[in-house]
Amino acid sequence: MRPMRSFGGGGGGMGLPGLETMASKLAVALVAGSVLFHLTKAQSGNLLLLIPELVVRGPFLWQPLTYAFIESSPIGIIFGAIITWSIGGYLESIWGGKRLLMVAVGIAVSAGVLTTLLALFVPGATVQAYAGGNVMTSVLWVSYGLTIGRGQTNFWGLPLSGNALAGIGAGFVVLSAITSGWQTQVPDLLGLCMAFAYVRGANPRKLWLTLQHWRLQRQLKGRSKHLQVVRQDRPDRDQYLN
């Protein structure tokens, strides 16, 4: 039987990793990015947020990256850092630091890029600006739950399965989309879809291997078209040799 893991208190506690881990560095980056944004937004505006129109029309290509480390409220900064540090620490223990970075930051940045592309083809489908710290934390939350799967964890003292915990994380995003409009949650919704696909096996390496296998099968099939079957009831002549 798999041991029960704890999230949000109770049981074994938060189990925060040390400051030298990738999870702690992401948490510190989230706090630092958020504080920097709030200290400078009066002078520089929202240049660190994701504004699809600016990315498309102006040289603001950094926004799909910088927005991932910004939370818009003090509560968001505090809980975002705690979630990134604790959940990220668990995922790092089984994935490694590089894979954690690829999932946390890579999916958040990819969601930002896709949101920008969506604004090109669907005018009005996105709002003006996005703070994406919640995208990264939601991705980690759902990935944590899906990784545990049917194993037991607890949420603020309430025992439940990892899949149920992932459902709670996704539910927060869906409720926000219902109450505030789905346009305000475009990067979050895209990030959740990519996180689910990644944990369930649709990662870039497997997709590349699948593509290579498909190409190899096509090449072998193409080479075999000129081959002829040698039948034993026919004379053994050179024309049947391949």
Protein backbone atom coordinates (compact mmCIF):
# COMPACT_ATOMS: atom_id res chain seq x y z
CA MET A 1 0.00 0.00 0.00
CA ARG A 2 1.36 3.39 -0.98
CA PRO A 3 2.03 5.79 1.92
CA MET A 4 -0.35 8.70 2.45
CA ARG A 5 1.05 12.02 1.36
CA SER A 6 0.12 15.32 2.90
CA PHE A 7 -0.87 18.59 1.27
CA GLY A 8 -1.92 21.66 3.21
CA GLY A 9 -1.21 20.47 6.73
CA GLY A 10 -2.06 17.41 8.78
CA GLY A 11 -0.31 14.07 8.59
CA GLY A 12 3.32 14.55 7.66
CA GLY A 13 3.10 18.33 7.23
CA MET A 14 4.16 20.36 4.23
CA GLY A 15 7.58 18.73 3.88
CA LEU A 16 9.21 21.87 2.43
CA PRO A 17 12.45 21.21 0.53
CA GLY A 18 15.68 23.12 1.07
CA LEU A 19 16.56 26.38 -0.65
CA GLU A 20 19.04 24.64 -2.96
CA THR A 21 16.32 22.73 -4.85
CA MET A 22 14.71 23.73 -8.14
CA ALA A 23 11.32 23.93 -6.42
CA SER A 24 12.56 26.48 -3.90
CA LYS A 25 14.21 28.51 -6.67
CA LEU A 26 10.94 28.63 -8.60
CA ALA A 27 9.11 29.74 -5.45
CA VAL A 28 11.67 32.50 -4.82
CA ALA A 29 11.43 33.55 -8.48
CA LEU A 30 7.64 33.77 -8.16
CA VAL A 31 7.89 36.02 -5.12
CA ALA A 32 10.66 38.15 -6.62
CA GLY A 33 8.88 38.54 -9.96
CA SER A 34 5.62 39.50 -8.28
CA VAL A 35 7.26 42.03 -5.97
CA LEU A 36 9.24 43.53 -8.87
CA PHE A 37 6.08 43.88 -10.92
CA HIS A 38 4.14 45.66 -8.18
CA LEU A 39 7.07 47.98 -7.40
CA THR A 40 7.59 49.02 -11.03
CA LYS A 41 4.11 48.91 -12.58
CA ALA A 42 3.50 52.60 -11.81
CA GLN A 43 6.51 53.56 -13.94
CA SER A 44 6.62 50.85 -16.59
CA GLY A 45 2.97 49.79 -16.72
CA ASN A 46 2.11 46.15 -17.32
CA LEU A 47 5.10 45.27 -19.45
CA LEU A 48 5.88 42.13 -17.41
CA LEU A 49 2.37 40.74 -17.77
CA LEU A 50 1.19 38.83 -20.81
CA ILE A 51 -0.59 41.22 -23.16
CA PRO A 52 -1.15 39.35 -26.44
CA GLU A 53 -1.59 42.54 -28.45
CA LEU A 54 1.80 43.88 -27.34
CA VAL A 55 3.53 40.56 -28.06
CA VAL A 56 2.10 40.52 -31.59
CA ARG A 57 2.47 44.19 -32.50
CA GLY A 58 5.53 45.19 -30.51
CA PRO A 59 8.92 43.80 -29.42
CA PHE A 60 7.61 42.40 -26.14
CA LEU A 61 8.55 38.79 -26.76
CA TRP A 62 9.61 38.27 -23.13
CA GLN A 63 6.06 38.49 -21.81
CA PRO A 64 5.13 34.77 -22.26
CA LEU A 65 8.04 34.06 -19.87
CA THR A 66 7.84 36.91 -17.35
CA TYR A 67 4.09 36.62 -16.79
CA ALA A 68 4.59 33.09 -15.37
CA PHE A 69 6.32 34.55 -12.29
CA ILE A 70 3.73 37.21 -11.41
CA GLU A 71 0.84 36.96 -8.96
CA SER A 72 -1.56 39.87 -8.74
CA SER A 73 -2.48 39.72 -5.03
CA PRO A 74 -0.63 39.24 -1.70
CA ILE A 75 -2.61 36.04 -1.00
CA GLY A 76 -1.72 34.75 -4.45
CA ILE A 77 1.97 35.45 -3.87
CA ILE A 78 2.06 33.70 -0.48
CA PHE A 79 0.04 30.62 -1.39
CA GLY A 80 1.61 30.43 -4.85
CA ALA A 81 5.08 30.29 -3.30
CA ILE A 82 4.01 27.68 -0.73
CA ILE A 83 2.38 25.48 -3.38
CA THR A 84 5.37 25.78 -5.72
CA TRP A 85 7.82 25.02 -2.91
CA SER A 86 5.96 22.09 -1.35
CA ILE A 87 4.34 20.39 -4.34
CA GLY A 88 7.29 21.20 -6.57
CA GLY A 89 9.59 19.62 -3.98
CA TYR A 90 7.69 16.33 -4.13
CA LEU A 91 7.63 16.31 -7.94
CA GLU A 92 11.33 17.14 -8.03
CA SER A 93 12.07 14.17 -5.77
CA ILE A 94 10.62 11.78 -8.38
CA TRP A 95 11.20 13.74 -11.61
CA GLY A 96 14.42 15.60 -11.00
CA GLY A 97 15.04 19.33 -11.21
CA LYS A 98 15.30 19.63 -15.00
CA ARG A 99 12.00 17.87 -15.62
CA LEU A 100 10.28 19.96 -12.95
CA LEU A 101 11.56 23.13 -14.63
CA MET A 102 10.36 21.90 -18.02
CA VAL A 103 6.88 21.15 -16.71
CA ALA A 104 6.39 24.18 -14.46
CA VAL A 105 7.92 26.88 -16.65
CA GLY A 106 7.69 25.14 -20.02
CA ILE A 107 3.94 24.56 -19.83
CA ALA A 108 3.27 28.07 -18.47
CA VAL A 109 5.30 29.64 -21.29
CA SER A 110 3.66 27.39 -23.89
CA ALA A 111 0.24 28.40 -22.56
CA GLY A 112 1.26 32.04 -22.93
CA VAL A 113 2.39 31.52 -26.51
CA LEU A 114 -0.82 29.67 -27.41
CA THR A 115 -2.88 32.44 -25.79
CA THR A 116 -1.08 34.98 -27.96
CA LEU A 117 -1.74 32.90 -31.09
CA LEU A 118 -5.38 32.53 -30.10
CA ALA A 119 -5.69 36.31 -29.93
CA LEU A 120 -4.55 36.44 -33.57
CA PHE A 121 -7.22 34.10 -34.89
CA VAL A 122 -10.05 34.72 -32.43
CA PRO A 123 -10.35 38.47 -31.77
CA GLY A 124 -11.80 39.19 -28.36
CA ALA A 125 -11.08 35.68 -27.07
CA THR A 126 -8.51 36.99 -24.58
CA VAL A 127 -8.51 39.83 -22.09
CA GLN A 128 -5.91 42.57 -22.10
CA ALA A 129 -3.39 41.29 -19.54
CA TYR A 130 -2.59 38.04 -17.73
CA ALA A 131 -0.61 37.34 -14.57
CA GLY A 132 0.51 33.75 -14.93
CA GLY A 133 1.77 32.75 -11.50
CA ASN A 134 -1.48 30.87 -10.99
CA VAL A 135 -0.86 29.05 -14.28
CA MET A 136 2.37 27.57 -12.97
CA THR A 137 0.93 26.67 -9.56
CA SER A 138 -2.18 25.10 -11.12
CA VAL A 139 0.00 23.02 -13.42
CA LEU A 140 2.06 21.77 -10.47
CA TRP A 141 -1.04 21.08 -8.37
CA VAL A 142 -2.76 19.01 -11.06
CA SER A 143 0.48 17.22 -12.01
CA TYR A 144 1.03 16.32 -8.35
CA GLY A 145 -2.45 14.84 -8.03
CA LEU A 146 -2.27 12.91 -11.29
CA THR A 147 1.17 11.56 -10.39
CA ILE A 148 -0.21 10.11 -7.15
CA GLY A 149 -3.28 8.83 -9.04
CA ARG A 150 -5.29 6.45 -6.89
CA GLY A 151 -2.82 6.71 -4.06
CA GLN A 152 -3.89 8.49 -0.88
CA THR A 153 -3.06 12.04 0.09
CA ASN A 154 -4.84 14.63 2.18
CA PHE A 155 -6.05 18.16 1.54
CA TRP A 156 -6.08 20.30 4.69
CA GLY A 157 -6.67 17.16 6.77
CA LEU A 158 -9.26 15.64 4.42
CA PRO A 159 -8.11 12.24 3.07
CA LEU A 160 -8.65 11.80 -0.65
CA SER A 161 -7.01 10.30 -3.71
CA GLY A 162 -4.48 12.07 -5.87
CA ASN A 163 -6.93 12.13 -8.77
CA ALA A 164 -9.49 13.87 -6.54
CA LEU A 165 -6.89 16.44 -5.53
CA ALA A 166 -6.13 17.09 -9.19
CA GLY A 167 -9.85 17.53 -9.77
CA ILE A 168 -9.99 20.13 -6.99
CA GLY A 169 -7.13 22.08 -8.58
CA ALA A 170 -8.81 21.99 -11.98
CA GLY A 171 -12.11 22.90 -10.33
CA PHE A 172 -10.69 26.17 -9.02
CA VAL A 173 -9.77 27.17 -12.57
CA VAL A 174 -13.13 26.11 -13.98
CA LEU A 175 -15.02 28.01 -11.27
CA SER A 176 -12.94 31.11 -12.01
CA ALA A 177 -13.79 30.73 -15.69
CA ILE A 178 -17.49 30.49 -14.84
CA THR A 179 -17.56 33.43 -12.43
CA SER A 180 -15.14 35.77 -14.23
CA GLY A 181 -15.53 34.64 -17.84
CA TRP A 182 -13.52 32.02 -19.66
CA GLN A 183 -11.52 34.72 -21.46
CA THR A 184 -9.83 35.57 -18.15
CA GLN A 185 -8.62 31.98 -17.70
CA VAL A 186 -7.33 31.14 -21.18
CA PRO A 187 -3.69 30.43 -20.14
CA ASP A 188 -4.88 28.49 -17.09
CA LEU A 189 -7.21 26.28 -19.12
CA LEU A 190 -4.54 25.65 -21.75
CA GLY A 191 -1.97 24.89 -19.05
CA LEU A 192 -4.24 22.34 -17.38
CA CYS A 193 -4.84 20.55 -20.68
CA MET A 194 -1.11 20.36 -21.38
CA ALA A 195 -0.33 19.20 -17.83
CA PHE A 196 -2.91 16.41 -18.09
CA ALA A 197 -1.55 15.34 -21.48
CA TYR A 198 2.04 15.37 -20.23
CA VAL A 199 1.44 13.35 -17.07
CA ARG A 200 -0.66 10.86 -19.03
CA GLY A 201 2.21 10.22 -21.41
CA ALA A 202 2.00 12.81 -24.19
CA ASN A 203 5.43 14.28 -23.46
CA PRO A 204 7.72 15.61 -26.24
CA ARG A 205 10.12 12.65 -26.07
CA LYS A 206 7.37 10.07 -26.52
CA LEU A 207 5.77 12.08 -29.29
CA TRP A 208 9.13 12.28 -31.08
CA LEU A 209 9.67 8.52 -30.73
CA THR A 210 6.16 7.91 -32.06
CA LEU A 211 6.89 10.13 -35.07
CA GLN A 212 10.18 8.34 -35.72
CA HIS A 213 8.43 4.96 -35.51
CA TRP A 214 5.76 6.12 -37.97
CA ARG A 215 8.40 7.38 -40.42
CA LEU A 216 10.33 4.10 -40.18
CA GLN A 217 7.17 2.09 -40.86
CA ARG A 218 6.41 4.19 -43.93
CA GLN A 219 9.96 3.75 -45.25
CA LEU A 220 9.83 -0.03 -44.78
CA LYS A 221 6.42 -0.20 -46.42
CA GLY A 222 7.65 1.84 -49.38
CA ARG A 223 10.72 -0.36 -49.87
CA SER A 224 8.66 -3.54 -49.77
CA LYS A 225 6.34 -2.54 -52.64
CA HIS A 226 8.77 -3.74 -55.34
CA LEU A 227 9.27 -7.15 -53.74
CA GLN A 228 7.59 -10.20 -55.27
CA VAL A 229 6.55 -13.39 -53.55
CA VAL A 230 8.33 -16.55 -54.74
CA ARG A 231 5.80 -19.33 -55.14
CA GLN A 232 7.01 -22.93 -54.83
CA ASP A 233 4.74 -24.15 -57.65
CA ARG A 234 6.66 -22.01 -60.16
CA PRO A 235 10.08 -22.74 -61.69
CA ASP A 236 12.96 -21.36 -59.70
CA ARG A 237 14.04 -18.65 -62.11
CA ASP A 238 16.08 -15.52 -61.64
CA GLN A 239 13.09 -13.25 -62.30
CA TYR A 240 11.61 -14.26 -58.93
CA LEU A 241 14.75 -13.45 -57.01
CA ASN A 242 14.76 -10.13 -55.08
